[in-house]
C-alpha atoms as a PDB file:
ATOM      1  CA  MET A   1      40.801  -7.025  46.403  1.00  0.00           C
ATOM      2  CA  THR A   2      38.464  -6.090  43.538  1.00  0.00           C
ATOM      3  CA  LEU A   3      38.715  -8.049  40.269  1.00  0.00           C
ATOM      4  CA  PRO A   4      39.242  -5.407  37.231  1.00  0.00           C
ATOM      5  CA  ARG A   5      36.489  -5.105  35.102  1.00  0.00           C
ATOM      6  CA  THR A   6      36.335  -6.427  31.771  1.00  0.00           C
ATOM      7  CA  THR A   7      34.778  -4.903  28.240  1.00  0.00           C
ATOM      8  CA  ARG A   8      33.092  -7.282  25.926  1.00  0.00           C
ATOM      9  CA  ALA A   9      34.112  -7.223  22.547  1.00  0.00           C
ATOM     10  CA  PRO A  10      31.558  -5.705  20.188  1.00  0.00           C
ATOM     11  CA  ARG A  11      28.656  -8.107  19.125  1.00  0.00           C
ATOM     12  CA  VAL A  12      29.278  -8.864  15.631  1.00  0.00           C
ATOM     13  CA  PRO A  13      26.746  -9.553  13.631  1.00  0.00           C
ATOM     14  CA  ARG A  14      25.965 -13.232  12.120  1.00  0.00           C
ATOM     15  CA  PRO A  15      25.896 -13.364   8.243  1.00  0.00           C
ATOM     16  CA  ARG A  16      22.065 -14.509   8.253  1.00  0.00           C
ATOM     17  CA  ASP A  17      20.976 -11.518  10.565  1.00  0.00           C
ATOM     18  CA  LEU A  18      22.554  -9.397   7.404  1.00  0.00           C
ATOM     19  CA  LEU A  19      20.348 -10.992   4.948  1.00  0.00           C
ATOM     20  CA  ARG A  20      17.616 -11.344   6.782  1.00  0.00           C
ATOM     21  CA  PRO A  21      16.094  -7.593   5.285  1.00  0.00           C
ATOM     22  CA  VAL A  22      17.432  -8.626   2.155  1.00  0.00           C
ATOM     23  CA  LEU A  23      15.562 -11.968   2.077  1.00  0.00           C
ATOM     24  CA  ALA A  24      12.464  -9.990   3.447  1.00  0.00           C
ATOM     25  CA  TRP A  25      12.281  -7.773   1.174  1.00  0.00           C
ATOM     26  CA  PRO A  26      10.537  -9.186  -1.875  1.00  0.00           C
ATOM     27  CA  VAL A  27       7.856 -10.259   0.291  1.00  0.00           C
ATOM     28  CA  THR A  28       7.659  -6.803   2.085  1.00  0.00           C
ATOM     29  CA  ALA A  29       7.314  -5.413  -1.404  1.00  0.00           C
ATOM     30  CA  GLN A  30       4.820  -7.678  -2.577  1.00  0.00           C
ATOM     31  CA  ALA A  31       2.443  -6.679   0.104  1.00  0.00           C
ATOM     32  CA  THR A  32       2.875  -3.069  -0.842  1.00  0.00           C
ATOM     33  CA  ALA A  33       2.137  -3.600  -3.896  1.00  0.00           C
ATOM     34  CA  CYS A  34      -1.074  -5.210  -3.195  1.00  0.00           C
ATOM     35  CA  ARG A  35      -1.955  -2.738  -0.555  1.00  0.00           C
ATOM     36  CA  ASN A  36      -1.290  -0.164  -3.731  1.00  0.00           C
ATOM     37  CA  ALA A  37      -3.599  -2.084  -5.536  1.00  0.00           C
ATOM     38  CA  LEU A  38      -6.366  -2.382  -3.877  1.00  0.00           C
ATOM     39  CA  GLY A  39      -6.513   1.349  -2.888  1.00  0.00           C
ATOM     40  CA  ALA A  40      -6.097   2.276  -6.398  1.00  0.00           C
ATOM     41  CA  THR A  41      -9.440  -0.045  -7.538  1.00  0.00           C
ATOM     42  CA  THR A  42     -11.069   1.343  -4.819  1.00  0.00           C
ATOM     43  CA  VAL A  43     -10.679   4.828  -6.077  1.00  0.00           C
ATOM     44  CA  LEU A  44     -11.075   3.997  -9.822  1.00  0.00           C
ATOM     45  CA  ALA A  45     -14.388   2.050  -8.692  1.00  0.00           C
ATOM     46  CA  ARG A  46     -15.704   5.082  -7.011  1.00  0.00           C
ATOM     47  CA  GLU A  47     -15.179   7.273  -9.734  1.00  0.00           C
ATOM     48  CA  ARG A  48     -16.829   5.269 -12.251  1.00  0.00           C
ATOM     49  CA  ALA A  49     -20.372   4.945 -10.205  1.00  0.00           C
ATOM     50  CA  GLU A  50     -20.189   8.896  -9.659  1.00  0.00           C
ATOM     51  CA  ARG A  51     -19.537   9.042 -13.455  1.00  0.00           C
ATOM     52  CA  GLU A  52     -22.520   6.939 -14.122  1.00  0.00           C
ATOM     53  CA  GLU A  53     -24.427   8.578 -11.802  1.00  0.00           C
ATOM     54  CA  VAL A  54     -23.682  11.729 -13.348  1.00  0.00           C
ATOM     55  CA  GLU A  55     -24.517  10.433 -16.922  1.00  0.00           C
ATOM     56  CA  ALA A  56     -28.022   9.104 -15.864  1.00  0.00           C
ATOM     57  CA  LEU A  57     -28.646  12.241 -14.031  1.00  0.00           C
ATOM     58  CA  LEU A  58     -27.748  14.135 -17.811  1.00  0.00           C
ATOM     59  CA  ALA A  59     -29.170  11.527 -20.016  1.00  0.00           C
ATOM     60  CA  ALA A  60     -32.660  12.108 -17.680  1.00  0.00           C
ATOM     61  CA  LEU A  61     -32.476  15.820 -18.052  1.00  0.00           C
ATOM     62  CA  HIS A  62     -31.952  15.607 -21.864  1.00  0.00           C
ATOM     63  CA  ALA A  63     -35.129  13.536 -22.036  1.00  0.00           C
ATOM     64  CA  GLU A  64     -37.080  15.775 -20.028  1.00  0.00           C
ATOM     65  CA  ARG A  65     -35.770  18.661 -22.301  1.00  0.00           C
ATOM     66  CA  ALA A  66     -36.878  16.879 -25.330  1.00  0.00           C
ATOM     67  CA  ARG A  67     -40.242  16.264 -24.045  1.00  0.00           C
ATOM     68  CA  ALA A  68     -40.886  19.668 -23.246  1.00  0.00           C
END
């Protein structure tokens, strides 16, 4: 004799499982914002260094032409 196969009731999520993503959101958002700020700072520093290099080159060219 074979026993009938019983079906399982669907798993009902616990409230804690439902709230976990909501509670983790501020931490995730802050980490993402910090990464974005670090990337932006790096780009700005690189552009500032390039601008200063160009300004120095132009100043040197101007001084050279003024002597000539």
